[in-house]
PDB file of N, CA and C in Angstrom:
ATOM      1  N   MET A   1      22.961 -43.807 -71.392  1.00  0.00           N
ATOM      2  CA  MET A   1      23.261 -43.290 -72.709  1.00  0.00           C
ATOM      3  C   MET A   1      23.998 -44.338 -73.545  1.00  0.00           C
ATOM      4  N   GLU A   2      24.918 -45.065 -72.888  1.00  0.00           N
ATOM      5  CA  GLU A   2      25.679 -46.087 -73.616  1.00  0.00           C
ATOM      6  C   GLU A   2      24.775 -47.231 -74.065  1.00  0.00           C
ATOM      7  N   ALA A   3      23.765 -47.540 -73.255  1.00  0.00           N
ATOM      8  CA  ALA A   3      22.818 -48.590 -73.637  1.00  0.00           C
ATOM      9  C   ALA A   3      22.055 -48.171 -74.889  1.00  0.00           C
ATOM     10  N   ASP A   4      21.717 -46.876 -74.973  1.00  0.00           N
ATOM     11  CA  ASP A   4      21.054 -46.367 -76.175  1.00  0.00           C
ATOM     12  C   ASP A   4      21.958 -46.527 -77.389  1.00  0.00           C
ATOM     13  N   GLN A   5      23.229 -46.203 -77.222  1.00  0.00           N
ATOM     14  CA  GLN A   5      24.190 -46.338 -78.318  1.00  0.00           C
ATOM     15  C   GLN A   5      24.304 -47.788 -78.759  1.00  0.00           C
ATOM     16  N   ASP A   6      24.326 -48.698 -77.804  1.00  0.00           N
ATOM     17  CA  ASP A   6      24.406 -50.128 -78.135  1.00  0.00           C
ATOM     18  C   ASP A   6      23.150 -50.587 -78.868  1.00  0.00           C
ATOM     19  N   SER A   7      22.013 -50.103 -78.427  1.00  0.00           N
ATOM     20  CA  SER A   7      20.751 -50.451 -79.068  1.00  0.00           C
ATOM     21  C   SER A   7      20.708 -49.922 -80.496  1.00  0.00           C
ATOM     22  N   ILE A   8      21.147 -48.690 -80.668  1.00  0.00           N
ATOM     23  CA  ILE A   8      21.177 -48.090 -82.005  1.00  0.00           C
ATOM     24  C   ILE A   8      22.153 -48.846 -82.898  1.00  0.00           C
ATOM     25  N   ALA A   9      23.313 -49.188 -82.364  1.00  0.00           N
ATOM     26  CA  ALA A   9      24.314 -49.920 -83.144  1.00  0.00           C
ATOM     27  C   ALA A   9      23.774 -51.282 -83.582  1.00  0.00           C
ATOM     28  N   ALA A  10      23.070 -51.957 -82.691  1.00  0.00           N
ATOM     29  CA  ALA A  10      22.480 -53.261 -83.039  1.00  0.00           C
ATOM     30  C   ALA A  10      21.421 -53.090 -84.123  1.00  0.00           C
ATOM     31  N   HIS A  11      20.619 -52.057 -84.004  1.00  0.00           N
ATOM     32  CA  HIS A  11      19.588 -51.792 -85.014  1.00  0.00           C
ATOM     33  C   HIS A  11      20.227 -51.470 -86.361  1.00  0.00           C
ATOM     34  N   LEU A  12      21.306 -50.698 -86.328  1.00  0.00           N
ATOM     35  CA  LEU A  12      22.026 -50.371 -87.563  1.00  0.00           C
ATOM     36  C   LEU A  12      22.583 -51.617 -88.230  1.00  0.00           C
ATOM     37  N   MET A  13      23.116 -52.525 -87.445  1.00  0.00           N
ATOM     38  CA  MET A  13      23.649 -53.767 -88.011  1.00  0.00           C
ATOM     39  C   MET A  13      22.539 -54.565 -88.691  1.00  0.00           C
ATOM     40  N   GLU A  14      21.374 -54.587 -88.071  1.00  0.00           N
ATOM     41  CA  GLU A  14      20.235 -55.297 -88.658  1.00  0.00           C
ATOM     42  C   GLU A  14      19.803 -54.638 -89.972  1.00  0.00           C
ATOM     43  N   LEU A  15      19.751 -53.311 -89.984  1.00  0.00           N
ATOM     44  CA  LEU A  15      19.378 -52.586 -91.202  1.00  0.00           C
ATOM     45  C   LEU A  15      20.401 -52.821 -92.313  1.00  0.00           C
ATOM     46  N   ARG A  16      21.674 -52.829 -91.958  1.00  0.00           N
ATOM     47  CA  ARG A  16      22.723 -53.072 -92.958  1.00  0.00           C
ATOM     48  C   ARG A  16      22.599 -54.465 -93.556  1.00  0.00           C
ATOM     49  N   GLN A  17      22.271 -55.455 -92.717  1.00  0.00           N
ATOM     50  CA  GLN A  17      22.100 -56.823 -93.212  1.00  0.00           C
ATOM     51  C   GLN A  17      20.918 -56.902 -94.167  1.00  0.00           C
ATOM     52  N   GLN A  18      19.811 -56.259 -93.801  1.00  0.00           N
ATOM     53  CA  GLN A  18      18.642 -56.237 -94.678  1.00  0.00           C
ATOM     54  C   GLN A  18      18.982 -55.548 -96.001  1.00  0.00           C
ATOM     55  N   HIS A  19      19.769 -54.487 -95.927  1.00  0.00           N
ATOM     56  CA  HIS A  19      20.176 -53.741 -97.125  1.00  0.00           C
ATOM     57  C   HIS A  19      21.014 -54.638 -98.039  1.00  0.00           C
ATOM     58  N   ARG A  20      21.955 -55.379 -97.458  1.00  0.00           N
ATOM     59  CA  ARG A  20      22.781 -56.310 -98.245  1.00  0.00           C
ATOM     60  C   ARG A  20      21.926 -57.409 -98.867  1.00  0.00           C
ATOM     61  N   ASP A  21      21.001 -57.941 -98.082  1.00  0.00           N
ATOM     62  CA  ASP A  21      20.114 -58.995 -98.595  1.00  0.00           C
ATOM     63  C   ASP A  21      19.291 -58.490 -99.774  1.00  0.00           C
ATOM     64  N   LEU A  22      18.762 -57.283 -99.644  1.00  0.00           N
ATOM     65  CA  LEU A  22      17.991 -56.705-100.749  1.00  0.00           C
ATOM     66  C   LEU A  22      18.866 -56.475-101.971  1.00  0.00           C
ATOM     67  N   ASP A  23      20.085 -56.044-101.745  1.00  0.00           N
ATOM     68  CA  ASP A  23      21.014 -55.824-102.850  1.00  0.00           C
ATOM     69  C   ASP A  23      21.237 -57.119-103.627  1.00  0.00           C
ATOM     70  N   GLN A  24      21.411 -58.216-102.904  1.00  0.00           N
ATOM     71  CA  GLN A  24      21.592 -59.513-103.550  1.00  0.00           C
ATOM     72  C   GLN A  24      20.329 -59.957-104.279  1.00  0.00           C
ATOM     73  N   ALA A  25      19.181 -59.722-103.667  1.00  0.00           N
ATOM     74  CA  ALA A  25      17.912 -60.104-104.302  1.00  0.00           C
ATOM     75  C   ALA A  25      17.681 -59.291-105.572  1.00  0.00           C
ATOM     76  N   ILE A  26      18.020 -58.015-105.532  1.00  0.00           N
ATOM     77  CA  ILE A  26      17.863 -57.152-106.700  1.00  0.00           C
ATOM     78  C   ILE A  26      18.782 -57.618-107.822  1.00  0.00           C
ATOM     79  N   ALA A  27      20.024 -57.924-107.480  1.00  0.00           N
ATOM     80  CA  ALA A  27      20.977 -58.383-108.487  1.00  0.00           C
ATOM     81  C   ALA A  27      20.515 -59.699-109.120  1.00  0.00           C
ATOM     82  N   ALA A  28      20.025 -60.608-108.293  1.00  0.00           N
ATOM     83  CA  ALA A  28      19.568 -61.899-108.811  1.00  0.00           C
ATOM     84  C   ALA A  28      18.348 -61.729-109.709  1.00  0.00           C
ATOM     85  N   LEU A  29      17.418 -60.885-109.289  1.00  0.00           N
ATOM     86  CA  LEU A  29      16.213 -60.662-110.086  1.00  0.00           C
ATOM     87  C   LEU A  29      16.548 -59.949-111.391  1.00  0.00           C
ATOM     88  N   ALA A  30      17.440 -58.985-111.341  1.00  0.00           N
ATOM     89  CA  ALA A  30      17.820 -58.238-112.535  1.00  0.00           C
ATOM     90  C   ALA A  30      18.550 -59.126-113.541  1.00  0.00           C
ATOM     91  N   ALA A  31      19.240 -60.144-113.056  1.00  0.00           N
ATOM     92  CA  ALA A  31      19.990 -61.037-113.937  1.00  0.00           C
ATOM     93  C   ALA A  31      19.073 -61.995-114.699  1.00  0.00           C
ATOM     94  N   GLN A  32      17.856 -62.162-114.223  1.00  0.00           N
ATOM     95  CA  GLN A  32      16.917 -63.072-114.873  1.00  0.00           C
ATOM     96  C   GLN A  32      16.354 -62.429-116.139  1.00  0.00           C
ATOM     97  N   ALA A  33      16.232 -63.242-117.162  1.00  0.00           N
ATOM     98  CA  ALA A  33      15.601 -62.767-118.394  1.00  0.00           C
ATOM     99  C   ALA A  33      14.111 -62.576-118.127  1.00  0.00           C
ATOM    100  N   GLY A  34      13.582 -61.466-118.539  1.00  0.00           N
ATOM    101  CA  GLY A  34      12.159 -61.202-118.341  1.00  0.00           C
ATOM    102  C   GLY A  34      11.805 -60.966-116.893  1.00  0.00           C
ATOM    103  N   ALA A  35      12.695 -60.307-116.168  1.00  0.00           N
ATOM    104  CA  ALA A  35      12.470 -60.054-114.744  1.00  0.00           C
ATOM    105  C   ALA A  35      11.238 -59.179-114.546  1.00  0.00           C
ATOM    106  N   ASP A  36      10.540 -59.416-113.460  1.00  0.00           N
ATOM    107  CA  ASP A  36       9.357 -58.643-113.095  1.00  0.00           C
ATOM    108  C   ASP A  36       9.802 -57.231-112.703  1.00  0.00           C
ATOM    109  N   GLN A  37       9.560 -56.265-113.584  1.00  0.00           N
ATOM    110  CA  GLN A  37      10.031 -54.897-113.363  1.00  0.00           C
ATOM    111  C   GLN A  37       9.335 -54.221-112.186  1.00  0.00           C
ATOM    112  N   LEU A  38       8.095 -54.552-111.955  1.00  0.00           N
ATOM    113  CA  LEU A  38       7.381 -53.976-110.823  1.00  0.00           C
ATOM    114  C   LEU A  38       7.995 -54.454-109.508  1.00  0.00           C
ATOM    115  N   ARG A  39       8.262 -55.746-109.440  1.00  0.00           N
ATOM    116  CA  ARG A  39       8.889 -56.289-108.220  1.00  0.00           C
ATOM    117  C   ARG A  39      10.282 -55.704-108.036  1.00  0.00           C
ATOM    118  N   LEU A  40      11.029 -55.578-109.121  1.00  0.00           N
ATOM    119  CA  LEU A  40      12.369 -55.002-109.063  1.00  0.00           C
ATOM    120  C   LEU A  40      12.308 -53.560-108.563  1.00  0.00           C
ATOM    121  N   SER A  41      11.361 -52.808-109.058  1.00  0.00           N
ATOM    122  CA  SER A  41      11.187 -51.425-108.636  1.00  0.00           C
ATOM    123  C   SER A  41      10.839 -51.328-107.151  1.00  0.00           C
ATOM    124  N   ARG A  42       9.975 -52.223-106.685  1.00  0.00           N
ATOM    125  CA  ARG A  42       9.593 -52.222-105.269  1.00  0.00           C
ATOM    126  C   ARG A  42      10.776 -52.583-104.367  1.00  0.00           C
ATOM    127  N   LEU A  43      11.577 -53.543-104.806  1.00  0.00           N
ATOM    128  CA  LEU A  43      12.762 -53.912-104.025  1.00  0.00           C
ATOM    129  C   LEU A  43      13.746 -52.750-103.947  1.00  0.00           C
ATOM    130  N   LYS A  44      13.922 -52.055-105.055  1.00  0.00           N
ATOM    131  CA  LYS A  44      14.831 -50.907-105.071  1.00  0.00           C
ATOM    132  C   LYS A  44      14.320 -49.796-104.159  1.00  0.00           C
ATOM    133  N   LYS A  45      13.017 -49.576-104.168  1.00  0.00           N
ATOM    134  CA  LYS A  45      12.427 -48.551-103.304  1.00  0.00           C
ATOM    135  C   LYS A  45      12.628 -48.923-101.835  1.00  0.00           C
ATOM    136  N   ARG A  46      12.427 -50.200-101.529  1.00  0.00           N
ATOM    137  CA  ARG A  46      12.632 -50.675-100.149  1.00  0.00           C
ATOM    138  C   ARG A  46      14.094 -50.498 -99.742  1.00  0.00           C
ATOM    139  N   LYS A  47      15.004 -50.765-100.652  1.00  0.00           N
ATOM    140  CA  LYS A  47      16.429 -50.606-100.371  1.00  0.00           C
ATOM    141  C   LYS A  47      16.756 -49.136-100.073  1.00  0.00           C
ATOM    142  N   LEU A  48      16.172 -48.218-100.828  1.00  0.00           N
ATOM    143  CA  LEU A  48      16.385 -46.792-100.580  1.00  0.00           C
ATOM    144  C   LEU A  48      15.806 -46.372 -99.229  1.00  0.00           C
ATOM    145  N   MET A  49      14.665 -46.931 -98.863  1.00  0.00           N
ATOM    146  CA  MET A  49      14.081 -46.617 -97.562  1.00  0.00           C
ATOM    147  C   MET A  49      14.980 -47.112 -96.427  1.00  0.00           C
ATOM    148  N   LEU A  50      15.567 -48.285 -96.609  1.00  0.00           N
ATOM    149  CA  LEU A  50      16.498 -48.799 -95.605  1.00  0.00           C
ATOM    150  C   LEU A  50      17.720 -47.897 -95.498  1.00  0.00           C
ATOM    151  N   LYS A  51      18.205 -47.415 -96.636  1.00  0.00           N
ATOM    152  CA  LYS A  51      19.362 -46.515 -96.634  1.00  0.00           C
ATOM    153  C   LYS A  51      19.041 -45.237 -95.863  1.00  0.00           C
ATOM    154  N   ASP A  52      17.842 -44.689 -96.079  1.00  0.00           N
ATOM    155  CA  ASP A  52      17.419 -43.493 -95.345  1.00  0.00           C
ATOM    156  C   ASP A  52      17.353 -43.766 -93.841  1.00  0.00           C
ATOM    157  N   GLN A  53      16.849 -44.927 -93.466  1.00  0.00           N
ATOM    158  CA  GLN A  53      16.784 -45.288 -92.052  1.00  0.00           C
ATOM    159  C   GLN A  53      18.180 -45.425 -91.461  1.00  0.00           C
ATOM    160  N   MET A  54      19.102 -46.012 -92.220  1.00  0.00           N
ATOM    161  CA  MET A  54      20.479 -46.164 -91.736  1.00  0.00           C
ATOM    162  C   MET A  54      21.114 -44.796 -91.509  1.00  0.00           C
ATOM    163  N   ILE A  55      20.900 -43.870 -92.418  1.00  0.00           N
ATOM    164  CA  ILE A  55      21.453 -42.520 -92.276  1.00  0.00           C
ATOM    165  C   ILE A  55      20.874 -41.841 -91.036  1.00  0.00           C
ATOM    166  N   TYR A  56      19.568 -41.984 -90.843  1.00  0.00           N
ATOM    167  CA  TYR A  56      18.923 -41.395 -89.668  1.00  0.00           C
ATOM    168  C   TYR A  56      19.543 -41.928 -88.377  1.00  0.00           C
ATOM    169  N   TRP A  57      19.648 -43.255 -88.270  1.00  0.00           N
ATOM    170  CA  TRP A  57      20.169 -43.846 -87.032  1.00  0.00           C
ATOM    171  C   TRP A  57      21.654 -43.568 -86.846  1.00  0.00           C
ATOM    172  N   GLN A  58      22.400 -43.464 -87.938  1.00  0.00           N
ATOM    173  CA  GLN A  58      23.811 -43.091 -87.817  1.00  0.00           C
ATOM    174  C   GLN A  58      23.938 -41.687 -87.252  1.00  0.00           C
ATOM    175  N   SER A  59      23.070 -40.787 -87.691  1.00  0.00           N
ATOM    176  CA  SER A  59      23.118 -39.413 -87.190  1.00  0.00           C
ATOM    177  C   SER A  59      22.732 -39.356 -85.714  1.00  0.00           C
ATOM    178  N   ARG A  60      21.879 -40.272 -85.270  1.00  0.00           N
ATOM    179  CA  ARG A  60      21.492 -40.314 -83.852  1.00  0.00           C
ATOM    180  C   ARG A  60      22.646 -40.757 -82.958  1.00  0.00           C
ATOM    181  N   MET A  61      23.620 -41.440 -83.530  1.00  0.00           N
ATOM    182  CA  MET A  61      24.760 -41.901 -82.737  1.00  0.00           C
ATOM    183  C   MET A  61      25.777 -40.783 -82.503  1.00  0.00           C
ATOM    184  N   ILE A  62      25.696 -39.716 -83.301  1.00  0.00           N
ATOM    185  CA  ILE A  62      26.635 -38.607 -83.161  1.00  0.00           C
ATOM    186  C   ILE A  62      26.116 -37.704 -82.035  1.00  0.00           C
ATOM    187  N   PRO A  63      26.917 -37.501 -81.002  1.00  0.00           N
ATOM    188  CA  PRO A  63      26.446 -36.676 -79.887  1.00  0.00           C
ATOM    189  C   PRO A  63      26.307 -35.206 -80.301  1.00  0.00           C
ATOM    190  N   ASP A  64      25.318 -34.558 -79.714  1.00  0.00           N
ATOM    191  CA  ASP A  64      25.138 -33.127 -79.966  1.00  0.00           C
ATOM    192  C   ASP A  64      26.274 -32.363 -79.308  1.00  0.00           C
ATOM    193  N   LEU A  65      26.795 -31.396 -80.015  1.00  0.00           N
ATOM    194  CA  LEU A  65      27.857 -30.561 -79.477  1.00  0.00           C
ATOM    195  C   LEU A  65      27.274 -29.209 -79.124  1.00  0.00           C
ATOM    196  N   ASN A  66      27.498 -28.798 -77.908  1.00  0.00           N
ATOM    197  CA  ASN A  66      27.036 -27.480 -77.491  1.00  0.00           C
ATOM    198  C   ASN A  66      28.049 -26.444 -77.943  1.00  0.00           C
ATOM    199  N   ALA A  67      27.587 -25.440 -78.638  1.00  0.00           N
ATOM    200  CA  ALA A  67      28.489 -24.414 -79.155  1.00  0.00           C
ATOM    201  C   ALA A  67      28.835 -23.414 -78.098  1.00  0.00           C
TER     202      ALA A  67
END
């Protein structure tokens, strides 16, 4: 079980890094005059998908409690 937690934690760290990288790419692209709005929109959508994945994996790290 602990190995699963370690694997999930490592995956979460990777997702967080990708999320930060996308955030920087979005900021840089948005700062450009005449930025490609389609590309900007796709990057934002990808960032939201990463956020959803992070939430999913974070919830998997919380142990189920038997009532």
